């Protein structure tokens, strides 16, 4: 049963004993009695579940075999009663007042997704210290969310339940880049996004996170996302100029990023890019623009790893 006005905070966690007290504490600090907290322990082998059970009796705890963060989020959503959903990773924090600000904003505006500024938490000794604040405002979420320079951690968002229902939830087959895909899916399903000024979340930079250990998988997942979002757009009709532009920019970035570590994916991305925009040439940076003009973009991408290796040897 959905409870109007209630916010459900869904926290997936795996071996999060080091963080979980502070993370749940940031929810408690919201100071509201219309918030339910659901923690999904995704097969942890540490004391995560024990800490939650012993110290946070008000939390609804679900424990499952390890199936990944997306499956845990989907399970948490299926258990949630709230009209509004706040996803919160187990090592991140909500800013004080975040739930109230963004919930009120959705209620006043009728929007489906609120998002706001966020701040890095950087390792320092045995703890973390505040880092830079990341800001940005979208004008067209469907297109802007393809911009590599515009990214928000899931904690910085706040969702109306109905838009999550439309997306069908988190894609459990994506091992990485699933957060990027989820918000794009919200936009593709017609979700209205609204900006909430000010810091709303704090995001830990944790050494050795999965996304940093496996760049190849991350880039392949991003390529898959681009293919599937393009297919969704084409199902609505011919691609617009804006859709072609952001897809080309995404494929350009992926082709270059994969050229040294995953040349097979780089070649597939280049084939797709040439089909999408015949004769494609980047507009920036200048060195790539000139290289593409001299030898063609495909050859420039193929030569780039050799150039980088030579540069490393010299330096």
C-alpha atoms as a PDB file:
ATOM      1  CA  UNK A   1       0.000   0.000   0.000  1.00  0.00           C
ATOM      2  CA  UNK A   2       1.298   3.440  -0.932  1.00  0.00           C
ATOM      3  CA  UNK A   3       1.208   6.039   1.821  1.00  0.00           C
ATOM      4  CA  UNK A   4       0.660   9.557   0.364  1.00  0.00           C
ATOM      5  CA  UNK A   5       3.239  12.069   1.554  1.00  0.00           C
ATOM      6  CA  UNK A   6       5.561   9.406   2.941  1.00  0.00           C
ATOM      7  CA  UNK A   7       9.161   9.145   1.789  1.00  0.00           C
ATOM      8  CA  UNK A   8      10.812   5.730   1.578  1.00  0.00           C
ATOM      9  CA  UNK A   9      14.616   5.719   1.813  1.00  0.00           C
ATOM     10  CA  UNK A  10      16.078   2.633   0.130  1.00  0.00           C
ATOM     11  CA  UNK A  11      19.648   1.747   1.106  1.00  0.00           C
ATOM     12  CA  UNK A  12      21.337  -1.181  -0.675  1.00  0.00           C
ATOM     13  CA  UNK A  13      24.474  -2.349   1.096  1.00  0.00           C
ATOM     14  CA  UNK A  14      27.248  -4.877   0.739  1.00  0.00           C
ATOM     15  CA  UNK A  15      29.955  -5.092   3.419  1.00  0.00           C
ATOM     16  CA  UNK A  16      29.138  -1.572   4.561  1.00  0.00           C
ATOM     17  CA  UNK A  17      29.794  -1.965   8.288  1.00  0.00           C
ATOM     18  CA  UNK A  18      32.303   0.880   8.154  1.00  0.00           C
ATOM     19  CA  UNK A  19      29.733   3.360   6.824  1.00  0.00           C
ATOM     20  CA  UNK A  20      26.233   2.224   7.633  1.00  0.00           C
ATOM     21  CA  UNK A  21      25.854   3.980  11.003  1.00  0.00           C
ATOM     22  CA  UNK A  22      26.712   7.377   9.548  1.00  0.00           C
ATOM     23  CA  UNK A  23      24.601   6.796   6.443  1.00  0.00           C
ATOM     24  CA  UNK A  24      21.475   5.880   8.409  1.00  0.00           C
ATOM     25  CA  UNK A  25      22.302   8.710  10.808  1.00  0.00           C
ATOM     26  CA  UNK A  26      22.058  11.168   7.907  1.00  0.00           C
ATOM     27  CA  UNK A  27      18.497   9.911   7.332  1.00  0.00           C
ATOM     28  CA  UNK A  28      17.618  10.234  11.018  1.00  0.00           C
ATOM     29  CA  UNK A  29      18.967  13.801  10.908  1.00  0.00           C
ATOM     30  CA  UNK A  30      16.221  14.688   8.426  1.00  0.00           C
ATOM     31  CA  UNK A  31      14.090  14.950  11.590  1.00  0.00           C
ATOM     32  CA  UNK A  32      10.836  13.691  10.130  1.00  0.00           C
ATOM     33  CA  UNK A  33       8.410  11.017  11.248  1.00  0.00           C
ATOM     34  CA  UNK A  34       7.020  10.462   7.742  1.00  0.00           C
ATOM     35  CA  UNK A  35      10.149   8.680   6.515  1.00  0.00           C
ATOM     36  CA  UNK A  36      10.518   4.918   6.360  1.00  0.00           C
ATOM     37  CA  UNK A  37      13.970   3.397   6.005  1.00  0.00           C
ATOM     38  CA  UNK A  38      14.547   0.154   4.133  1.00  0.00           C
ATOM     39  CA  UNK A  39      18.008  -1.439   4.168  1.00  0.00           C
ATOM     40  CA  UNK A  40      18.659  -4.300   1.772  1.00  0.00           C
ATOM     41  CA  UNK A  41      21.731  -6.264   2.833  1.00  0.00           C
ATOM     42  CA  UNK A  42      23.018  -7.770  -0.402  1.00  0.00           C
ATOM     43  CA  UNK A  43      24.812 -10.814   0.947  1.00  0.00           C
ATOM     44  CA  UNK A  44      27.309  -8.995   3.181  1.00  0.00           C
ATOM     45  CA  UNK A  45      29.973 -11.084   4.886  1.00  0.00           C
ATOM     46  CA  UNK A  46      30.743  -8.456   7.521  1.00  0.00           C
ATOM     47  CA  UNK A  47      28.640  -7.094  10.405  1.00  0.00           C
ATOM     48  CA  UNK A  48      26.430  -4.783   8.304  1.00  0.00           C
ATOM     49  CA  UNK A  49      23.137  -6.581   8.980  1.00  0.00           C
ATOM     50  CA  UNK A  50      23.976  -7.104  12.655  1.00  0.00           C
ATOM     51  CA  UNK A  51      24.665  -3.388  13.156  1.00  0.00           C
ATOM     52  CA  UNK A  52      21.399  -2.389  11.494  1.00  0.00           C
ATOM     53  CA  UNK A  53      19.390  -4.963  13.443  1.00  0.00           C
ATOM     54  CA  UNK A  54      20.960  -4.104  16.787  1.00  0.00           C
ATOM     55  CA  UNK A  55      21.230  -0.308  16.572  1.00  0.00           C
ATOM     56  CA  UNK A  56      18.394   0.789  14.281  1.00  0.00           C
ATOM     57  CA  UNK A  57      15.239  -0.996  15.333  1.00  0.00           C
ATOM     58  CA  UNK A  58      13.015   1.278  13.243  1.00  0.00           C
ATOM     59  CA  UNK A  59      14.710   0.163  10.009  1.00  0.00           C
ATOM     60  CA  UNK A  60      13.074  -2.489   7.849  1.00  0.00           C
ATOM     61  CA  UNK A  61      15.927  -4.880   7.072  1.00  0.00           C
ATOM     62  CA  UNK A  62      15.851  -7.351   4.184  1.00  0.00           C
ATOM     63  CA  UNK A  63      18.719  -9.780   3.601  1.00  0.00           C
ATOM     64  CA  UNK A  64      19.394 -11.535   0.298  1.00  0.00           C
ATOM     65  CA  UNK A  65      22.182 -13.459  -1.427  1.00  0.00           C
ATOM     66  CA  UNK A  66      24.555 -11.172  -3.285  1.00  0.00           C
ATOM     67  CA  UNK A  67      22.833 -10.136  -6.522  1.00  0.00           C
ATOM     68  CA  UNK A  68      24.132  -6.603  -7.026  1.00  0.00           C
ATOM     69  CA  UNK A  69      23.047  -3.089  -6.134  1.00  0.00           C
ATOM     70  CA  UNK A  70      20.320  -2.809  -8.776  1.00  0.00           C
ATOM     71  CA  UNK A  71      18.561  -5.958  -7.604  1.00  0.00           C
ATOM     72  CA  UNK A  72      18.814  -4.703  -4.018  1.00  0.00           C
ATOM     73  CA  UNK A  73      17.309  -1.344  -4.989  1.00  0.00           C
ATOM     74  CA  UNK A  74      14.472  -3.058  -6.826  1.00  0.00           C
ATOM     75  CA  UNK A  75      13.743  -5.236  -3.812  1.00  0.00           C
ATOM     76  CA  UNK A  76      13.790  -2.187  -1.549  1.00  0.00           C
ATOM     77  CA  UNK A  77      11.390  -0.383  -3.870  1.00  0.00           C
ATOM     78  CA  UNK A  78       9.017  -3.358  -3.873  1.00  0.00           C
ATOM     79  CA  UNK A  79       8.903  -3.181  -0.057  1.00  0.00           C
ATOM     80  CA  UNK A  80       8.524   0.606   0.087  1.00  0.00           C
ATOM     81  CA  UNK A  81       5.229   2.261   0.988  1.00  0.00           C
ATOM     82  CA  UNK A  82       6.162   5.862   0.227  1.00  0.00           C
ATOM     83  CA  UNK A  83       4.779   8.142  -2.438  1.00  0.00           C
ATOM     84  CA  UNK A  84       8.341   9.468  -2.781  1.00  0.00           C
ATOM     85  CA  UNK A  85      11.564   7.456  -3.042  1.00  0.00           C
ATOM     86  CA  UNK A  86      15.049   8.388  -1.918  1.00  0.00           C
ATOM     87  CA  UNK A  87      17.800   5.997  -2.997  1.00  0.00           C
ATOM     88  CA  UNK A  88      20.924   6.217  -0.849  1.00  0.00           C
ATOM     89  CA  UNK A  89      24.088   4.184  -1.312  1.00  0.00           C
ATOM     90  CA  UNK A  90      25.453   2.782   1.937  1.00  0.00           C
ATOM     91  CA  UNK A  91      28.630   4.898   1.927  1.00  0.00           C
ATOM     92  CA  UNK A  92      26.999   8.240   1.065  1.00  0.00           C
ATOM     93  CA  UNK A  93      25.150  10.854   3.119  1.00  0.00           C
ATOM     94  CA  UNK A  94      22.063  13.023   2.793  1.00  0.00           C
ATOM     95  CA  UNK A  95      22.480  16.692   3.665  1.00  0.00           C
ATOM     96  CA  UNK A  96      20.304  17.934   6.558  1.00  0.00           C
ATOM     97  CA  UNK A  97      16.884  19.021   5.295  1.00  0.00           C
ATOM     98  CA  UNK A  98      17.345  17.288   1.937  1.00  0.00           C
ATOM     99  CA  UNK A  99      14.175  15.214   2.047  1.00  0.00           C
ATOM    100  CA  UNK A 100      12.005  18.162   3.086  1.00  0.00           C
ATOM    101  CA  UNK A 101      13.428  20.522   0.443  1.00  0.00           C
ATOM    102  CA  UNK A 102      13.114  18.152  -2.461  1.00  0.00           C
ATOM    103  CA  UNK A 103       9.797  16.634  -1.444  1.00  0.00           C
ATOM    104  CA  UNK A 104       8.235  20.078  -1.067  1.00  0.00           C
ATOM    105  CA  UNK A 105       9.693  21.024  -4.448  1.00  0.00           C
ATOM    106  CA  UNK A 106       8.090  18.031  -6.161  1.00  0.00           C
ATOM    107  CA  UNK A 107       4.768  18.682  -4.478  1.00  0.00           C
ATOM    108  CA  UNK A 108       4.725  22.358  -5.476  1.00  0.00           C
ATOM    109  CA  UNK A 109       5.950  21.862  -9.026  1.00  0.00           C
ATOM    110  CA  UNK A 110       4.326  18.563  -9.973  1.00  0.00           C
ATOM    111  CA  UNK A 111       7.747  17.385 -11.213  1.00  0.00           C
ATOM    112  CA  UNK A 112       8.824  13.751 -11.034  1.00  0.00           C
ATOM    113  CA  UNK A 113      12.520  14.030 -10.170  1.00  0.00           C
ATOM    114  CA  UNK A 114      14.360  16.608  -8.095  1.00  0.00           C
ATOM    115  CA  UNK A 115      18.152  16.909  -8.149  1.00  0.00           C
ATOM    116  CA  UNK A 116      20.637  19.212  -6.473  1.00  0.00           C
ATOM    117  CA  UNK A 117      24.296  20.017  -5.892  1.00  0.00           C
ATOM    118  CA  UNK A 118      26.554  17.481  -4.210  1.00  0.00           C
ATOM    119  CA  UNK A 119      29.924  17.412  -2.495  1.00  0.00           C
ATOM    120  CA  UNK A 120      32.848  15.010  -2.636  1.00  0.00           C
ATOM    121  CA  UNK A 121      34.063  13.413   0.595  1.00  0.00           C
ATOM    122  CA  UNK A 122      37.778  12.722   0.116  1.00  0.00           C
ATOM    123  CA  UNK A 123      39.939  10.204   2.027  1.00  0.00           C
ATOM    124  CA  UNK A 124      42.181  11.803   4.638  1.00  0.00           C
ATOM    125  CA  UNK A 125      44.001   9.623   7.153  1.00  0.00           C
ATOM    126  CA  UNK A 126      41.470   7.309   8.731  1.00  0.00           C
ATOM    127  CA  UNK A 127      38.507   9.446   7.711  1.00  0.00           C
ATOM    128  CA  UNK A 128      37.127  11.772   5.062  1.00  0.00           C
ATOM    129  CA  UNK A 129      37.162  15.517   4.550  1.00  0.00           C
ATOM    130  CA  UNK A 130      34.835  17.707   2.440  1.00  0.00           C
ATOM    131  CA  UNK A 131      35.991  18.205  -1.125  1.00  0.00           C
ATOM    132  CA  UNK A 132      34.713  20.249  -4.040  1.00  0.00           C
ATOM    133  CA  UNK A 133      31.040  21.002  -4.587  1.00  0.00           C
ATOM    134  CA  UNK A 134      29.640  19.923  -7.957  1.00  0.00           C
ATOM    135  CA  UNK A 135      26.860  21.989  -9.461  1.00  0.00           C
ATOM    136  CA  UNK A 136      24.985  21.882 -12.726  1.00  0.00           C
ATOM    137  CA  UNK A 137      21.534  22.462 -14.165  1.00  0.00           C
ATOM    138  CA  UNK A 138      19.877  20.488 -16.956  1.00  0.00           C
ATOM    139  CA  UNK A 139      17.848  22.128 -19.678  1.00  0.00           C
ATOM    140  CA  UNK A 140      16.867  18.899 -21.481  1.00  0.00           C
ATOM    141  CA  UNK A 141      17.467  15.848 -19.242  1.00  0.00           C
ATOM    142  CA  UNK A 142      17.131  13.281 -22.041  1.00  0.00           C
ATOM    143  CA  UNK A 143      20.069  14.925 -23.801  1.00  0.00           C
ATOM    144  CA  UNK A 144      21.987  16.475 -20.917  1.00  0.00           C
ATOM    145  CA  UNK A 145      22.332  13.175 -19.051  1.00  0.00           C
ATOM    146  CA  UNK A 146      24.566  11.973 -21.897  1.00  0.00           C
ATOM    147  CA  UNK A 147      27.046  14.750 -21.074  1.00  0.00           C
ATOM    148  CA  UNK A 148      30.079  13.227 -19.329  1.00  0.00           C
ATOM    149  CA  UNK A 149      30.491  16.452 -17.376  1.00  0.00           C
ATOM    150  CA  UNK A 150      26.978  16.275 -15.911  1.00  0.00           C
ATOM    151  CA  UNK A 151      26.649  13.474 -13.373  1.00  0.00           C
ATOM    152  CA  UNK A 152      24.876  13.237 -10.045  1.00  0.00           C
ATOM    153  CA  UNK A 153      25.192  10.419  -7.485  1.00  0.00           C
ATOM    154  CA  UNK A 154      21.892   8.721  -6.815  1.00  0.00           C
ATOM    155  CA  UNK A 155      21.703  10.322  -3.349  1.00  0.00           C
ATOM    156  CA  UNK A 156      21.405  13.761  -4.980  1.00  0.00           C
ATOM    157  CA  UNK A 157      18.125  12.753  -6.654  1.00  0.00           C
ATOM    158  CA  UNK A 158      14.619  12.451  -5.197  1.00  0.00           C
ATOM    159  CA  UNK A 159      11.928  10.537  -7.090  1.00  0.00           C
ATOM    160  CA  UNK A 160       8.193  10.430  -7.296  1.00  0.00           C
ATOM    161  CA  UNK A 161       7.138   6.793  -7.092  1.00  0.00           C
ATOM    162  CA  UNK A 162       5.067   6.962 -10.281  1.00  0.00           C
ATOM    163  CA  UNK A 163       8.071   7.704 -12.522  1.00  0.00           C
ATOM    164  CA  UNK A 164       9.934   4.676 -11.157  1.00  0.00           C
ATOM    165  CA  UNK A 165       6.908   2.521 -11.950  1.00  0.00           C
ATOM    166  CA  UNK A 166       7.052   3.763 -15.556  1.00  0.00           C
ATOM    167  CA  UNK A 167      10.710   2.801 -15.972  1.00  0.00           C
ATOM    168  CA  UNK A 168      10.214  -0.725 -14.673  1.00  0.00           C
ATOM    169  CA  UNK A 169      12.944  -0.151 -12.096  1.00  0.00           C
ATOM    170  CA  UNK A 170      16.703  -0.552 -12.137  1.00  0.00           C
ATOM    171  CA  UNK A 171      18.292  -2.651 -14.885  1.00  0.00           C
ATOM    172  CA  UNK A 172      19.664  -5.666 -13.011  1.00  0.00           C
ATOM    173  CA  UNK A 173      21.678  -6.916 -15.998  1.00  0.00           C
ATOM    174  CA  UNK A 174      23.959  -3.859 -15.938  1.00  0.00           C
ATOM    175  CA  UNK A 175      26.910  -4.404 -13.619  1.00  0.00           C
ATOM    176  CA  UNK A 176      28.128  -0.806 -13.900  1.00  0.00           C
ATOM    177  CA  UNK A 177      26.746   2.537 -15.152  1.00  0.00           C
ATOM    178  CA  UNK A 178      23.341   1.416 -13.903  1.00  0.00           C
ATOM    179  CA  UNK A 179      22.760   4.693 -12.048  1.00  0.00           C
ATOM    180  CA  UNK A 180      23.318   6.710 -15.218  1.00  0.00           C
ATOM    181  CA  UNK A 181      20.918   4.466 -17.096  1.00  0.00           C
ATOM    182  CA  UNK A 182      18.215   4.678 -14.452  1.00  0.00           C
ATOM    183  CA  UNK A 183      17.927   8.469 -14.563  1.00  0.00           C
ATOM    184  CA  UNK A 184      18.050   8.497 -18.369  1.00  0.00           C
ATOM    185  CA  UNK A 185      15.201   5.970 -18.347  1.00  0.00           C
ATOM    186  CA  UNK A 186      13.243   8.339 -16.096  1.00  0.00           C
ATOM    187  CA  UNK A 187      13.770  11.119 -18.643  1.00  0.00           C
ATOM    188  CA  UNK A 188      12.894   8.905 -21.631  1.00  0.00           C
ATOM    189  CA  UNK A 189       9.653   7.941 -19.890  1.00  0.00           C
ATOM    190  CA  UNK A 190       8.679  11.605 -19.798  1.00  0.00           C
ATOM    191  CA  UNK A 191       9.786  12.401 -16.259  1.00  0.00           C
ATOM    192  CA  UNK A 192       9.929  16.104 -15.458  1.00  0.00           C
ATOM    193  CA  UNK A 193      13.180  17.068 -13.690  1.00  0.00           C
ATOM    194  CA  UNK A 194      13.570  20.092 -11.437  1.00  0.00           C
ATOM    195  CA  UNK A 195      16.707  21.601  -9.906  1.00  0.00           C
ATOM    196  CA  UNK A 196      16.987  22.007  -6.139  1.00  0.00           C
ATOM    197  CA  UNK A 197      19.662  24.636  -5.288  1.00  0.00           C
ATOM    198  CA  UNK A 198      22.228  23.895  -2.610  1.00  0.00           C
ATOM    199  CA  UNK A 199      24.153  20.833  -1.421  1.00  0.00           C
ATOM    200  CA  UNK A 200      21.784  17.903  -0.979  1.00  0.00           C
ATOM    201  CA  UNK A 201      24.189  14.954  -0.735  1.00  0.00           C
ATOM    202  CA  UNK A 202      27.760  13.983   0.098  1.00  0.00           C
ATOM    203  CA  UNK A 203      29.522  11.352  -2.032  1.00  0.00           C
ATOM    204  CA  UNK A 204      32.480   9.373  -0.716  1.00  0.00           C
ATOM    205  CA  UNK A 205      35.411   8.712  -2.999  1.00  0.00           C
ATOM    206  CA  UNK A 206      36.254   5.214  -1.813  1.00  0.00           C
ATOM    207  CA  UNK A 207      39.530   3.716  -3.039  1.00  0.00           C
ATOM    208  CA  UNK A 208      39.153   0.458  -4.899  1.00  0.00           C
ATOM    209  CA  UNK A 209      35.465   0.864  -5.817  1.00  0.00           C
ATOM    210  CA  UNK A 210      34.212  -1.455  -8.555  1.00  0.00           C
ATOM    211  CA  UNK A 211      33.830   1.346 -11.111  1.00  0.00           C
ATOM    212  CA  UNK A 212      37.504   2.262 -10.769  1.00  0.00           C
ATOM    213  CA  UNK A 213      38.811  -1.315 -10.850  1.00  0.00           C
ATOM    214  CA  UNK A 214      37.076  -2.315 -14.049  1.00  0.00           C
ATOM    215  CA  UNK A 215      37.058   0.507 -16.559  1.00  0.00           C
ATOM    216  CA  UNK A 216      36.582  -1.913 -19.455  1.00  0.00           C
ATOM    217  CA  UNK A 217      33.298  -3.236 -18.075  1.00  0.00           C
ATOM    218  CA  UNK A 218      32.197   0.298 -17.230  1.00  0.00           C
ATOM    219  CA  UNK A 219      32.758   1.505 -20.782  1.00  0.00           C
ATOM    220  CA  UNK A 220      31.041  -1.520 -22.292  1.00  0.00           C
ATOM    221  CA  UNK A 221      28.024  -0.883 -20.080  1.00  0.00           C
ATOM    222  CA  UNK A 222      27.967   2.755 -21.180  1.00  0.00           C
ATOM    223  CA  UNK A 223      28.080   1.671 -24.815  1.00  0.00           C
ATOM    224  CA  UNK A 224      25.200  -0.702 -24.216  1.00  0.00           C
ATOM    225  CA  UNK A 225      23.253   2.124 -22.583  1.00  0.00           C
ATOM    226  CA  UNK A 226      23.829   4.336 -25.613  1.00  0.00           C
ATOM    227  CA  UNK A 227      22.631   1.598 -27.983  1.00  0.00           C
ATOM    228  CA  UNK A 228      19.485   0.880 -26.009  1.00  0.00           C
ATOM    229  CA  UNK A 229      18.561   4.527 -25.468  1.00  0.00           C
ATOM    230  CA  UNK A 230      19.083   5.160 -29.184  1.00  0.00           C
ATOM    231  CA  UNK A 231      16.721   2.260 -29.917  1.00  0.00           C
ATOM    232  CA  UNK A 232      14.121   3.763 -27.572  1.00  0.00           C
ATOM    233  CA  UNK A 233      14.422   7.112 -29.332  1.00  0.00           C
ATOM    234  CA  UNK A 234      14.146   5.516 -32.783  1.00  0.00           C
ATOM    235  CA  UNK A 235      11.007   3.699 -31.657  1.00  0.00           C
ATOM    236  CA  UNK A 236       9.421   7.150 -31.248  1.00  0.00           C
ATOM    237  CA  UNK A 237      10.459   8.292 -34.742  1.00  0.00           C
ATOM    238  CA  UNK A 238      13.472   9.683 -36.557  1.00  0.00           C
ATOM    239  CA  UNK A 239      16.356  10.820 -34.389  1.00  0.00           C
ATOM    240  CA  UNK A 240      16.395  14.557 -33.780  1.00  0.00           C
ATOM    241  CA  UNK A 241      19.475  16.669 -34.401  1.00  0.00           C
ATOM    242  CA  UNK A 242      19.991  16.940 -30.652  1.00  0.00           C
ATOM    243  CA  UNK A 243      19.776  13.179 -30.170  1.00  0.00           C
ATOM    244  CA  UNK A 244      22.287  12.582 -32.960  1.00  0.00           C
ATOM    245  CA  UNK A 245      24.609  15.174 -31.449  1.00  0.00           C
ATOM    246  CA  UNK A 246      24.642  13.705 -27.927  1.00  0.00           C
ATOM    247  CA  UNK A 247      24.906  10.135 -29.213  1.00  0.00           C
ATOM    248  CA  UNK A 248      27.834  11.102 -31.433  1.00  0.00           C
ATOM    249  CA  UNK A 249      29.539  12.845 -28.532  1.00  0.00           C
ATOM    250  CA  UNK A 250      29.045   9.803 -26.321  1.00  0.00           C
ATOM    251  CA  UNK A 251      30.385   7.412 -28.974  1.00  0.00           C
ATOM    252  CA  UNK A 252      33.344   9.710 -29.691  1.00  0.00           C
ATOM    253  CA  UNK A 253      34.318   9.702 -26.011  1.00  0.00           C
ATOM    254  CA  UNK A 254      33.912   5.924 -25.712  1.00  0.00           C
ATOM    255  CA  UNK A 255      35.915   5.177 -28.873  1.00  0.00           C
ATOM    256  CA  UNK A 256      38.853   7.189 -27.596  1.00  0.00           C
ATOM    257  CA  UNK A 257      38.589   5.865 -24.049  1.00  0.00           C
ATOM    258  CA  UNK A 258      38.561   2.225 -25.230  1.00  0.00           C
ATOM    259  CA  UNK A 259      41.260   2.544 -27.892  1.00  0.00           C
ATOM    260  CA  UNK A 260      44.134   1.320 -25.720  1.00  0.00           C
ATOM    261  CA  UNK A 261      42.532  -1.016 -23.182  1.00  0.00           C
ATOM    262  CA  UNK A 262      39.625  -2.444 -25.214  1.00  0.00           C
ATOM    263  CA  UNK A 263      40.287  -2.025 -28.966  1.00  0.00           C
ATOM    264  CA  UNK A 264      37.514  -4.466 -29.902  1.00  0.00           C
ATOM    265  CA  UNK A 265      34.875  -2.251 -28.286  1.00  0.00           C
ATOM    266  CA  UNK A 266      36.552   0.835 -29.735  1.00  0.00           C
ATOM    267  CA  UNK A 267      36.202  -0.558 -33.258  1.00  0.00           C
ATOM    268  CA  UNK A 268      32.540  -1.454 -32.700  1.00  0.00           C
ATOM    269  CA  UNK A 269      31.852   2.041 -31.373  1.00  0.00           C
ATOM    270  CA  UNK A 270      33.600   3.615 -34.380  1.00  0.00           C
ATOM    271  CA  UNK A 271      31.519   1.508 -36.785  1.00  0.00           C
ATOM    272  CA  UNK A 272      28.377   2.710 -35.058  1.00  0.00           C
ATOM    273  CA  UNK A 273      29.563   6.322 -35.049  1.00  0.00           C
ATOM    274  CA  UNK A 274      30.332   6.265 -38.771  1.00  0.00           C
ATOM    275  CA  UNK A 275      26.888   4.822 -39.466  1.00  0.00           C
ATOM    276  CA  UNK A 276      25.235   7.449 -37.291  1.00  0.00           C
ATOM    277  CA  UNK A 277      27.239  10.404 -38.653  1.00  0.00           C
ATOM    278  CA  UNK A 278      29.026   9.556 -41.923  1.00  0.00           C
ATOM    279  CA  UNK A 279      32.372  11.347 -42.138  1.00  0.00           C
ATOM    280  CA  UNK A 280      32.270  12.230 -38.456  1.00  0.00           C
ATOM    281  CA  UNK A 281      35.011  14.564 -37.222  1.00  0.00           C
ATOM    282  CA  UNK A 282      35.270  15.916 -33.660  1.00  0.00           C
ATOM    283  CA  UNK A 283      34.975  19.629 -33.028  1.00  0.00           C
ATOM    284  CA  UNK A 284      37.268  19.579 -30.004  1.00  0.00           C
ATOM    285  CA  UNK A 285      39.853  19.329 -28.620  1.00  0.00           C
ATOM    286  CA  UNK A 286      41.922  20.988 -31.314  1.00  0.00           C
ATOM    287  CA  UNK A 287      44.536  18.211 -31.552  1.00  0.00           C
ATOM    288  CA  UNK A 288      41.840  15.646 -32.263  1.00  0.00           C
ATOM    289  CA  UNK A 289      40.144  17.929 -34.764  1.00  0.00           C
ATOM    290  CA  UNK A 290      43.417  18.380 -36.639  1.00  0.00           C
ATOM    291  CA  UNK A 291      44.330  14.680 -36.469  1.00  0.00           C
ATOM    292  CA  UNK A 292      40.915  13.672 -37.817  1.00  0.00           C
ATOM    293  CA  UNK A 293      41.261  16.173 -40.626  1.00  0.00           C
ATOM    294  CA  UNK A 294      44.690  14.803 -41.583  1.00  0.00           C
ATOM    295  CA  UNK A 295      44.161  11.044 -41.326  1.00  0.00           C
ATOM    296  CA  UNK A 296      40.485  10.536 -40.485  1.00  0.00           C
ATOM    297  CA  UNK A 297      38.943  10.021 -37.067  1.00  0.00           C
ATOM    298  CA  UNK A 298      39.144   6.205 -37.127  1.00  0.00           C
ATOM    299  CA  UNK A 299      42.858   6.223 -37.900  1.00  0.00           C
ATOM    300  CA  UNK A 300      43.481   8.953 -35.348  1.00  0.00           C
ATOM    301  CA  UNK A 301      41.816   6.819 -32.673  1.00  0.00           C
ATOM    302  CA  UNK A 302      43.889   3.779 -33.726  1.00  0.00           C
ATOM    303  CA  UNK A 303      47.152   5.724 -33.587  1.00  0.00           C
ATOM    304  CA  UNK A 304      46.432   7.439 -30.258  1.00  0.00           C
ATOM    305  CA  UNK A 305      47.527   4.502 -28.020  1.00  0.00           C
ATOM    306  CA  UNK A 306      50.924   4.390 -29.747  1.00  0.00           C
ATOM    307  CA  UNK A 307      51.306   8.120 -29.223  1.00  0.00           C
ATOM    308  CA  UNK A 308      50.422   7.806 -25.533  1.00  0.00           C
ATOM    309  CA  UNK A 309      52.871   4.917 -25.037  1.00  0.00           C
ATOM    310  CA  UNK A 310      55.668   6.864 -26.711  1.00  0.00           C
ATOM    311  CA  UNK A 311      54.858   9.880 -24.572  1.00  0.00           C
ATOM    312  CA  UNK A 312      55.037   7.777 -21.398  1.00  0.00           C
ATOM    313  CA  UNK A 313      58.429   6.392 -22.423  1.00  0.00           C
ATOM    314  CA  UNK A 314      59.787   9.886 -23.030  1.00  0.00           C
ATOM    315  CA  UNK A 315      58.505  11.253 -19.741  1.00  0.00           C
END
